[in-house]
Amino acid sequence: MQGSGTGMTAEQQKIRAAEWLYRWNLSSSIIGIVFTIGTFLGVFTFLLGPIFTAQFGFSSLQTALVLFLLVLAVIIGFGLYLDKVIHFWSAQATVATTRNPYLVSALYQKELLSLVYIQVPVLKSLRALVETQMMDESKKHTFLAELDRSLAKVEQSIRDKSWPIEPHERVY
């Protein structure tokens, strides 16, 4: 069923509309921040401009620059505080993965393709190289056992299309 002269089906039009709504949603928070900073600078440059001119001899442009640097310092400082002191985003990630268990173990298409076309060939090549190396047999056996275990886990993940998370692999 073709759309009205656009060459796209109704389903394709719905997907296209959803993509644009998603992009708009992603950009709206950034646009809001930019407009908030612009409004802050405009209002406070107008209000503080005469005071900064009288006290320090600043022009309106210099006052706006000082206020911009102050706002930038507050934003960066608040971000660092949230990230480094109270670990805000790590808690948010834990909550998100607890609510959506598929977010952790299910492989995305790019991850699956990376495992198939990059990781497996690299592990097999590395195993072949280690086999031909002149080295202590116990070290060689240890390396080969580790490579075999890794290769088996990657191949199992490719078959299952998921990556089982072991307790020691938990990153949150």
N, C-alpha and C. Protein backbone atom coordinates (compact mmCIF):
# COMPACT_ATOMS: atom_id res chain seq x y z
N MET A 1 0.85 -1.18 0.00
CA MET A 1 0.00 0.00 0.00
C MET A 1 0.89 1.23 0.00
N GLN A 2 0.88 1.98 -1.07
CA GLN A 2 1.73 3.14 -1.22
C GLN A 2 1.13 4.36 -0.54
N GLY A 3 2.02 5.20 0.00
CA GLY A 3 1.58 6.47 0.55
C GLY A 3 1.20 7.40 -0.58
N SER A 4 0.64 8.52 -0.29
CA SER A 4 0.12 9.42 -1.32
C SER A 4 1.25 10.07 -2.11
N GLY A 5 1.79 9.35 -3.10
CA GLY A 5 2.77 9.92 -4.03
C GLY A 5 4.17 10.08 -3.47
N THR A 6 4.43 9.60 -2.27
CA THR A 6 5.76 9.79 -1.69
C THR A 6 6.70 8.65 -2.02
N GLY A 7 6.17 7.53 -2.49
CA GLY A 7 7.02 6.39 -2.78
C GLY A 7 7.30 5.55 -1.56
N MET A 8 6.76 5.92 -0.41
CA MET A 8 6.97 5.14 0.81
C MET A 8 5.65 4.52 1.23
N THR A 9 5.75 3.33 1.80
CA THR A 9 4.55 2.69 2.32
C THR A 9 4.15 3.39 3.62
N ALA A 10 2.96 3.09 4.08
CA ALA A 10 2.49 3.69 5.33
C ALA A 10 3.40 3.28 6.49
N GLU A 11 3.86 2.04 6.46
CA GLU A 11 4.76 1.56 7.52
C GLU A 11 6.08 2.32 7.50
N GLN A 12 6.63 2.56 6.31
CA GLN A 12 7.88 3.32 6.19
C GLN A 12 7.69 4.76 6.66
N GLN A 13 6.52 5.34 6.37
CA GLN A 13 6.24 6.70 6.81
C GLN A 13 6.16 6.77 8.34
N LYS A 14 5.57 5.74 8.94
CA LYS A 14 5.48 5.71 10.40
C LYS A 14 6.88 5.60 11.02
N ILE A 15 7.71 4.76 10.43
CA ILE A 15 9.08 4.61 10.94
C ILE A 15 9.84 5.91 10.79
N ARG A 16 9.68 6.56 9.65
CA ARG A 16 10.36 7.84 9.41
C ARG A 16 9.90 8.89 10.42
N ALA A 17 8.59 8.95 10.68
CA ALA A 17 8.06 9.90 11.66
C ALA A 17 8.60 9.59 13.06
N ALA A 18 8.68 8.31 13.41
CA ALA A 18 9.22 7.93 14.72
C ALA A 18 10.69 8.33 14.84
N GLU A 19 11.45 8.17 13.75
CA GLU A 19 12.87 8.58 13.78
C GLU A 19 12.99 10.08 14.04
N TRP A 20 12.17 10.88 13.37
CA TRP A 20 12.25 12.33 13.55
C TRP A 20 11.80 12.75 14.94
N LEU A 21 10.77 12.09 15.47
CA LEU A 21 10.34 12.40 16.84
C LEU A 21 11.43 12.03 17.84
N TYR A 22 12.10 10.91 17.61
CA TYR A 22 13.19 10.50 18.48
C TYR A 22 14.33 11.52 18.43
N ARG A 23 14.69 11.96 17.23
CA ARG A 23 15.75 12.96 17.08
C ARG A 23 15.36 14.28 17.75
N TRP A 24 14.11 14.68 17.58
CA TRP A 24 13.64 15.91 18.21
C TRP A 24 13.74 15.79 19.73
N ASN A 25 13.33 14.65 20.27
CA ASN A 25 13.38 14.43 21.70
C ASN A 25 14.82 14.49 22.22
N LEU A 26 15.76 13.90 21.47
CA LEU A 26 17.16 13.95 21.89
C LEU A 26 17.70 15.37 21.89
N SER A 27 17.33 16.14 20.88
CA SER A 27 17.90 17.48 20.75
C SER A 27 17.18 18.51 21.62
N SER A 28 15.96 18.24 22.06
CA SER A 28 15.21 19.25 22.81
C SER A 28 15.88 19.60 24.13
N SER A 29 16.49 18.64 24.80
CA SER A 29 17.15 18.97 26.07
C SER A 29 18.37 19.85 25.84
N ILE A 30 19.12 19.58 24.78
CA ILE A 30 20.29 20.41 24.47
C ILE A 30 19.84 21.81 24.07
N ILE A 31 18.81 21.89 23.25
CA ILE A 31 18.29 23.20 22.83
C ILE A 31 17.81 23.97 24.05
N GLY A 32 17.14 23.28 24.99
CA GLY A 32 16.68 23.94 26.21
C GLY A 32 17.83 24.50 27.02
N ILE A 33 18.92 23.75 27.12
CA ILE A 33 20.09 24.23 27.87
C ILE A 33 20.68 25.46 27.20
N VAL A 34 20.80 25.42 25.88
CA VAL A 34 21.37 26.56 25.15
C VAL A 34 20.51 27.81 25.33
N PHE A 35 19.19 27.66 25.20
CA PHE A 35 18.31 28.82 25.38
C PHE A 35 18.32 29.33 26.82
N THR A 36 18.42 28.42 27.79
CA THR A 36 18.49 28.83 29.19
C THR A 36 19.75 29.65 29.45
N ILE A 37 20.88 29.17 28.94
CA ILE A 37 22.13 29.91 29.12
C ILE A 37 22.06 31.26 28.43
N GLY A 38 21.51 31.28 27.22
CA GLY A 38 21.37 32.55 26.49
C GLY A 38 20.48 33.54 27.23
N THR A 39 19.37 33.05 27.77
CA THR A 39 18.47 33.92 28.53
C THR A 39 19.15 34.44 29.79
N PHE A 40 19.83 33.56 30.50
CA PHE A 40 20.56 33.96 31.70
C PHE A 40 21.57 35.06 31.37
N LEU A 41 22.35 34.83 30.31
CA LEU A 41 23.37 35.82 29.94
C LEU A 41 22.73 37.14 29.54
N GLY A 42 21.65 37.08 28.76
CA GLY A 42 20.99 38.31 28.32
C GLY A 42 20.43 39.11 29.48
N VAL A 43 19.71 38.44 30.36
CA VAL A 43 19.07 39.15 31.48
C VAL A 43 20.12 39.69 32.45
N PHE A 44 21.07 38.84 32.85
CA PHE A 44 22.02 39.29 33.86
C PHE A 44 23.08 40.23 33.30
N THR A 45 23.36 40.16 32.01
CA THR A 45 24.25 41.16 31.42
C THR A 45 23.57 42.53 31.47
N PHE A 46 22.27 42.54 31.19
CA PHE A 46 21.51 43.79 31.24
C PHE A 46 21.44 44.32 32.67
N LEU A 47 21.21 43.42 33.65
CA LEU A 47 21.08 43.86 35.04
C LEU A 47 22.43 44.20 35.69
N LEU A 48 23.45 43.37 35.43
CA LEU A 48 24.74 43.56 36.10
C LEU A 48 25.71 44.41 35.30
N GLY A 49 25.39 44.69 34.04
CA GLY A 49 26.28 45.48 33.20
C GLY A 49 26.67 46.81 33.81
N PRO A 50 25.70 47.62 34.28
CA PRO A 50 26.07 48.90 34.89
C PRO A 50 26.92 48.75 36.16
N ILE A 51 26.65 47.72 36.95
CA ILE A 51 27.44 47.50 38.17
C ILE A 51 28.87 47.11 37.82
N PHE A 52 29.02 46.19 36.86
CA PHE A 52 30.36 45.77 36.44
C PHE A 52 31.12 46.91 35.77
N THR A 53 30.39 47.78 35.07
CA THR A 53 31.05 48.93 34.44
C THR A 53 31.53 49.91 35.50
N ALA A 54 30.67 50.17 36.50
CA ALA A 54 31.05 51.13 37.55
C ALA A 54 32.16 50.58 38.44
N GLN A 55 32.08 49.32 38.82
CA GLN A 55 33.05 48.74 39.76
C GLN A 55 34.39 48.37 39.10
N PHE A 56 34.30 47.72 37.91
CA PHE A 56 35.51 47.16 37.29
C PHE A 56 35.85 47.77 35.94
N GLY A 57 34.97 48.59 35.40
CA GLY A 57 35.20 49.20 34.09
C GLY A 57 34.96 48.24 32.93
N PHE A 58 34.14 47.19 33.14
CA PHE A 58 33.85 46.22 32.09
C PHE A 58 32.82 46.77 31.12
N SER A 59 32.98 46.42 29.86
CA SER A 59 31.94 46.74 28.87
C SER A 59 30.85 45.66 28.97
N SER A 60 29.77 45.84 28.22
CA SER A 60 28.70 44.84 28.23
C SER A 60 29.20 43.49 27.71
N LEU A 61 30.05 43.53 26.69
CA LEU A 61 30.59 42.29 26.14
C LEU A 61 31.48 41.58 27.17
N GLN A 62 32.29 42.33 27.88
CA GLN A 62 33.14 41.73 28.91
C GLN A 62 32.30 41.16 30.06
N THR A 63 31.24 41.86 30.42
CA THR A 63 30.34 41.36 31.46
C THR A 63 29.69 40.06 31.02
N ALA A 64 29.24 40.01 29.76
CA ALA A 64 28.63 38.78 29.23
C ALA A 64 29.64 37.64 29.22
N LEU A 65 30.88 37.94 28.87
CA LEU A 65 31.92 36.91 28.86
C LEU A 65 32.19 36.37 30.26
N VAL A 66 32.27 37.27 31.25
CA VAL A 66 32.48 36.84 32.64
C VAL A 66 31.32 35.97 33.11
N LEU A 67 30.10 36.38 32.80
CA LEU A 67 28.93 35.59 33.19
C LEU A 67 28.91 34.24 32.47
N PHE A 68 29.31 34.23 31.20
CA PHE A 68 29.36 32.97 30.45
C PHE A 68 30.37 32.01 31.09
N LEU A 69 31.54 32.52 31.44
CA LEU A 69 32.55 31.68 32.08
C LEU A 69 32.06 31.18 33.44
N LEU A 70 31.34 32.04 34.17
CA LEU A 70 30.77 31.64 35.45
C LEU A 70 29.75 30.51 35.26
N VAL A 71 28.87 30.65 34.29
CA VAL A 71 27.87 29.62 34.00
C VAL A 71 28.55 28.32 33.58
N LEU A 72 29.55 28.44 32.73
CA LEU A 72 30.30 27.26 32.28
C LEU A 72 30.96 26.55 33.46
N ALA A 73 31.55 27.31 34.37
CA ALA A 73 32.19 26.73 35.55
C ALA A 73 31.16 26.03 36.44
N VAL A 74 29.98 26.62 36.60
CA VAL A 74 28.93 26.00 37.41
C VAL A 74 28.46 24.70 36.77
N ILE A 75 28.25 24.70 35.46
CA ILE A 75 27.78 23.49 34.77
C ILE A 75 28.82 22.38 34.88
N ILE A 76 30.08 22.70 34.60
CA ILE A 76 31.14 21.68 34.67
C ILE A 76 31.32 21.21 36.12
N GLY A 77 31.29 22.13 37.06
CA GLY A 77 31.44 21.76 38.46
C GLY A 77 30.31 20.87 38.94
N PHE A 78 29.08 21.20 38.56
CA PHE A 78 27.94 20.39 38.95
C PHE A 78 28.01 19.01 38.31
N GLY A 79 28.41 18.96 37.04
CA GLY A 79 28.56 17.67 36.36
C GLY A 79 29.62 16.80 37.01
N LEU A 80 30.75 17.40 37.36
CA LEU A 80 31.81 16.65 38.04
C LEU A 80 31.35 16.17 39.41
N TYR A 81 30.62 17.02 40.12
CA TYR A 81 30.09 16.63 41.43
C TYR A 81 29.15 15.43 41.28
N LEU A 82 28.22 15.50 40.32
CA LEU A 82 27.29 14.39 40.12
C LEU A 82 28.01 13.11 39.72
N ASP A 83 29.06 13.25 38.90
CA ASP A 83 29.74 12.07 38.38
C ASP A 83 30.75 11.49 39.36
N LYS A 84 31.60 12.32 39.92
CA LYS A 84 32.73 11.84 40.73
C LYS A 84 32.41 11.69 42.21
N VAL A 85 31.52 12.52 42.75
CA VAL A 85 31.27 12.49 44.19
C VAL A 85 30.09 11.59 44.53
N ILE A 86 28.94 11.83 43.92
CA ILE A 86 27.77 11.02 44.28
C ILE A 86 27.47 9.92 43.27
N HIS A 87 28.28 9.79 42.23
CA HIS A 87 28.15 8.71 41.24
C HIS A 87 26.71 8.59 40.73
N PHE A 88 26.15 9.71 40.32
CA PHE A 88 24.76 9.78 39.91
C PHE A 88 24.45 8.85 38.74
N TRP A 89 25.31 8.84 37.72
CA TRP A 89 25.01 8.08 36.52
C TRP A 89 25.22 6.59 36.71
N SER A 90 26.09 6.17 37.61
CA SER A 90 26.25 4.73 37.84
C SER A 90 24.99 4.16 38.49
N ALA A 91 24.40 4.91 39.41
CA ALA A 91 23.15 4.46 40.03
C ALA A 91 22.03 4.42 38.99
N GLN A 92 22.01 5.42 38.12
CA GLN A 92 21.00 5.47 37.06
C GLN A 92 21.16 4.27 36.13
N ALA A 93 22.39 3.90 35.79
CA ALA A 93 22.63 2.76 34.92
C ALA A 93 22.20 1.46 35.59
N THR A 94 22.44 1.35 36.89
CA THR A 94 22.03 0.14 37.62
C THR A 94 20.52 0.02 37.62
N VAL A 95 19.82 1.11 37.87
CA VAL A 95 18.36 1.08 37.86
C VAL A 95 17.84 0.72 36.47
N ALA A 96 18.44 1.30 35.43
CA ALA A 96 17.99 1.02 34.06
C ALA A 96 18.19 -0.44 33.71
N THR A 97 19.32 -1.02 34.08
CA THR A 97 19.56 -2.42 33.74
C THR A 97 18.77 -3.37 34.63
N THR A 98 18.43 -2.93 35.83
CA THR A 98 17.59 -3.76 36.69
C THR A 98 16.18 -3.81 36.14
N ARG A 99 15.70 -2.68 35.64
CA ARG A 99 14.35 -2.64 35.07
C ARG A 99 14.29 -3.30 33.70
N ASN A 100 15.40 -3.30 32.97
CA ASN A 100 15.43 -3.88 31.64
C ASN A 100 16.58 -4.89 31.56
N PRO A 101 16.32 -6.14 31.96
CA PRO A 101 17.40 -7.12 31.98
C PRO A 101 17.97 -7.41 30.59
N TYR A 102 17.20 -7.13 29.54
CA TYR A 102 17.70 -7.38 28.19
C TYR A 102 18.79 -6.39 27.81
N LEU A 103 18.86 -5.29 28.51
CA LEU A 103 19.88 -4.28 28.22
C LEU A 103 21.28 -4.81 28.52
N VAL A 104 21.41 -5.72 29.45
CA VAL A 104 22.73 -6.21 29.86
C VAL A 104 23.21 -7.36 28.99
N SER A 105 22.43 -8.42 28.89
CA SER A 105 22.95 -9.64 28.28
C SER A 105 22.63 -9.79 26.80
N ALA A 106 21.55 -9.20 26.32
CA ALA A 106 21.20 -9.36 24.91
C ALA A 106 22.20 -8.61 24.04
N LEU A 107 22.61 -9.25 22.97
CA LEU A 107 23.57 -8.63 22.06
C LEU A 107 22.84 -7.78 21.03
N TYR A 108 23.34 -6.58 20.82
CA TYR A 108 22.85 -5.77 19.73
C TYR A 108 23.44 -6.31 18.43
N GLN A 109 22.87 -5.92 17.31
CA GLN A 109 23.32 -6.43 16.02
C GLN A 109 24.80 -6.15 15.77
N LYS A 110 25.24 -4.94 16.08
CA LYS A 110 26.65 -4.60 15.87
C LYS A 110 27.57 -5.44 16.74
N GLU A 111 27.14 -5.71 17.97
CA GLU A 111 27.95 -6.54 18.85
C GLU A 111 28.06 -7.97 18.32
N LEU A 112 26.94 -8.49 17.84
CA LEU A 112 26.94 -9.84 17.29
C LEU A 112 27.83 -9.92 16.06
N LEU A 113 27.71 -8.95 15.16
CA LEU A 113 28.55 -8.93 13.97
C LEU A 113 30.02 -8.78 14.33
N SER A 114 30.30 -7.99 15.34
CA SER A 114 31.69 -7.83 15.79
C SER A 114 32.24 -9.14 16.32
N LEU A 115 31.43 -9.87 17.06
CA LEU A 115 31.88 -11.17 17.56
C LEU A 115 32.15 -12.14 16.41
N VAL A 116 31.23 -12.17 15.43
CA VAL A 116 31.36 -13.12 14.33
C VAL A 116 32.55 -12.79 13.44
N TYR A 117 32.69 -11.51 13.06
CA TYR A 117 33.67 -11.15 12.04
C TYR A 117 34.99 -10.61 12.57
N ILE A 118 35.06 -10.31 13.86
CA ILE A 118 36.31 -9.77 14.40
C ILE A 118 36.85 -10.65 15.52
N GLN A 119 36.04 -10.86 16.56
CA GLN A 119 36.55 -11.55 17.75
C GLN A 119 36.92 -13.01 17.49
N VAL A 120 36.03 -13.76 16.83
CA VAL A 120 36.32 -15.18 16.58
C VAL A 120 37.55 -15.35 15.70
N PRO A 121 37.65 -14.64 14.56
CA PRO A 121 38.88 -14.80 13.76
C PRO A 121 40.15 -14.39 14.50
N VAL A 122 40.08 -13.33 15.30
CA VAL A 122 41.26 -12.90 16.05
C VAL A 122 41.65 -13.95 17.08
N LEU A 123 40.68 -14.50 17.80
CA LEU A 123 40.99 -15.52 18.80
C LEU A 123 41.57 -16.78 18.15
N LYS A 124 41.00 -17.18 17.01
CA LYS A 124 41.53 -18.37 16.32
C LYS A 124 42.94 -18.11 15.80
N SER A 125 43.18 -16.92 15.26
CA SER A 125 44.52 -16.59 14.77
C SER A 125 45.53 -16.55 15.91
N LEU A 126 45.13 -15.94 17.01
CA LEU A 126 46.01 -15.86 18.16
C LEU A 126 46.33 -17.26 18.71
N ARG A 127 45.32 -18.11 18.72
CA ARG A 127 45.54 -19.49 19.18
C ARG A 127 46.55 -20.20 18.28
N ALA A 128 46.41 -20.02 16.96
CA ALA A 128 47.34 -20.65 16.02
C ALA A 128 48.76 -20.12 16.23
N LEU A 129 48.89 -18.83 16.50
CA LEU A 129 50.21 -18.25 16.75
C LEU A 129 50.84 -18.79 18.04
N VAL A 130 50.04 -18.90 19.08
CA VAL A 130 50.56 -19.40 20.36
C VAL A 130 51.00 -20.86 20.21
N GLU A 131 50.24 -21.65 19.43
CA GLU A 131 50.60 -23.06 19.24
C GLU A 131 51.98 -23.21 18.61
N THR A 132 52.37 -22.29 17.74
CA THR A 132 53.65 -22.42 17.03
C THR A 132 54.81 -21.78 17.77
N GLN A 133 54.55 -21.11 18.87
CA GLN A 133 55.61 -20.42 19.61
C GLN A 133 56.48 -21.41 20.37
N MET A 134 57.77 -21.10 20.39
CA MET A 134 58.70 -21.87 21.21
C MET A 134 58.70 -21.24 22.60
N MET A 135 58.06 -21.91 23.53
CA MET A 135 57.98 -21.40 24.90
C MET A 135 57.80 -22.56 25.86
N ASP A 136 57.83 -22.25 27.12
CA ASP A 136 57.62 -23.25 28.15
C ASP A 136 56.26 -23.91 27.93
N GLU A 137 56.22 -25.23 27.94
CA GLU A 137 54.99 -25.96 27.64
C GLU A 137 53.87 -25.67 28.64
N SER A 138 54.20 -25.46 29.90
CA SER A 138 53.15 -25.16 30.88
C SER A 138 52.52 -23.80 30.61
N LYS A 139 53.36 -22.80 30.25
CA LYS A 139 52.81 -21.48 29.90
C LYS A 139 51.98 -21.57 28.63
N LYS A 140 52.49 -22.31 27.65
CA LYS A 140 51.75 -22.46 26.40
C LYS A 140 50.40 -23.12 26.66
N HIS A 141 50.39 -24.16 27.49
CA HIS A 141 49.14 -24.85 27.82
C HIS A 141 48.17 -23.90 28.52
N THR A 142 48.68 -23.06 29.44
CA THR A 142 47.83 -22.09 30.14
C THR A 142 47.23 -21.09 29.17
N PHE A 143 48.06 -20.55 28.27
CA PHE A 143 47.56 -19.59 27.27
C PHE A 143 46.51 -20.23 26.37
N LEU A 144 46.79 -21.45 25.90
CA LEU A 144 45.85 -22.12 25.01
C LEU A 144 44.54 -22.44 25.71
N ALA A 145 44.61 -22.84 26.98
CA ALA A 145 43.38 -23.12 27.73
C ALA A 145 42.55 -21.86 27.89
N GLU A 146 43.20 -20.74 28.18
CA GLU A 146 42.49 -19.46 28.32
C GLU A 146 41.86 -19.04 26.99
N LEU A 147 42.61 -19.18 25.91
CA LEU A 147 42.07 -18.84 24.59
C LEU A 147 40.91 -19.75 24.21
N ASP A 148 41.03 -21.05 24.51
CA ASP A 148 39.94 -21.98 24.21
C ASP A 148 38.68 -21.64 25.01
N ARG A 149 38.87 -21.27 26.28
CA ARG A 149 37.72 -20.89 27.11
C ARG A 149 37.06 -19.63 26.56
N SER A 150 37.86 -18.65 26.18
CA SER A 150 37.32 -17.40 25.63
C SER A 150 36.61 -17.66 24.30
N LEU A 151 37.22 -18.45 23.46
CA LEU A 151 36.63 -18.76 22.15
C LEU A 151 35.32 -19.52 22.33
N ALA A 152 35.27 -20.45 23.26
CA ALA A 152 34.04 -21.20 23.51
C ALA A 152 32.93 -20.28 24.00
N LYS A 153 33.27 -19.32 24.88
CA LYS A 153 32.25 -18.40 25.38
C LYS A 153 31.74 -17.49 24.27
N VAL A 154 32.64 -17.01 23.42
CA VAL A 154 32.23 -16.14 22.31
C VAL A 154 31.35 -16.92 21.33
N GLU A 155 31.74 -18.14 21.00
CA GLU A 155 30.93 -18.94 20.07
C GLU A 155 29.57 -19.29 20.67
N GLN A 156 29.52 -19.57 21.97
CA GLN A 156 28.24 -19.83 22.63
C GLN A 156 27.36 -18.57 22.61
N SER A 157 27.97 -17.42 22.81
CA SER A 157 27.22 -16.16 22.78
C SER A 157 26.67 -15.89 21.39
N ILE A 158 27.42 -16.25 20.36
CA ILE A 158 26.94 -16.08 18.99
C ILE A 158 25.73 -16.98 18.75
N ARG A 159 25.80 -18.23 19.21
CA ARG A 159 24.67 -19.15 19.03
C ARG A 159 23.44 -18.67 19.79
N ASP A 160 23.64 -18.21 21.04
CA ASP A 160 22.51 -17.80 21.89
C ASP A 160 22.07 -16.37 21.64
N LYS A 161 22.90 -15.59 20.95
CA LYS A 161 22.66 -14.16 20.71
C LYS A 161 22.51 -13.39 22.02
N SER A 162 23.24 -13.85 23.03
CA SER A 162 23.28 -13.12 24.31
C SER A 162 24.61 -13.40 24.97
N TRP A 163 24.97 -12.51 25.89
CA TRP A 163 26.23 -12.64 26.61
C TRP A 163 25.89 -12.87 28.07
N PRO A 164 26.04 -14.11 28.57
CA PRO A 164 25.73 -14.34 29.98
C PRO A 164 26.72 -13.60 30.88
N ILE A 165 26.20 -12.85 31.81
CA ILE A 165 27.03 -12.06 32.71
C ILE A 165 27.37 -12.90 33.93
N GLU A 166 28.64 -13.12 34.14
CA GLU A 166 29.12 -13.82 35.32
C GLU A 166 29.17 -12.83 36.49
N PRO A 167 29.08 -13.30 37.74
CA PRO A 167 29.12 -12.37 38.88
C PRO A 167 30.37 -11.48 38.90
N HIS A 168 31.51 -12.00 38.50
CA HIS A 168 32.74 -11.19 38.51
C HIS A 168 32.81 -10.22 37.33
N GLU A 169 31.87 -10.33 36.37
CA GLU A 169 31.86 -9.43 35.21
C GLU A 169 30.93 -8.24 35.39
N ARG A 170 30.24 -8.18 36.51
CA ARG A 170 29.30 -7.09 36.75
C ARG A 170 30.07 -5.78 36.82
N VAL A 171 29.65 -4.81 35.99
CA VAL A 171 30.40 -3.56 35.91
C VAL A 171 29.69 -2.40 36.59
N TYR A 172 28.45 -2.58 37.03
CA TYR A 172 27.74 -1.48 37.67
C TYR A 172 27.84 -1.58 39.16
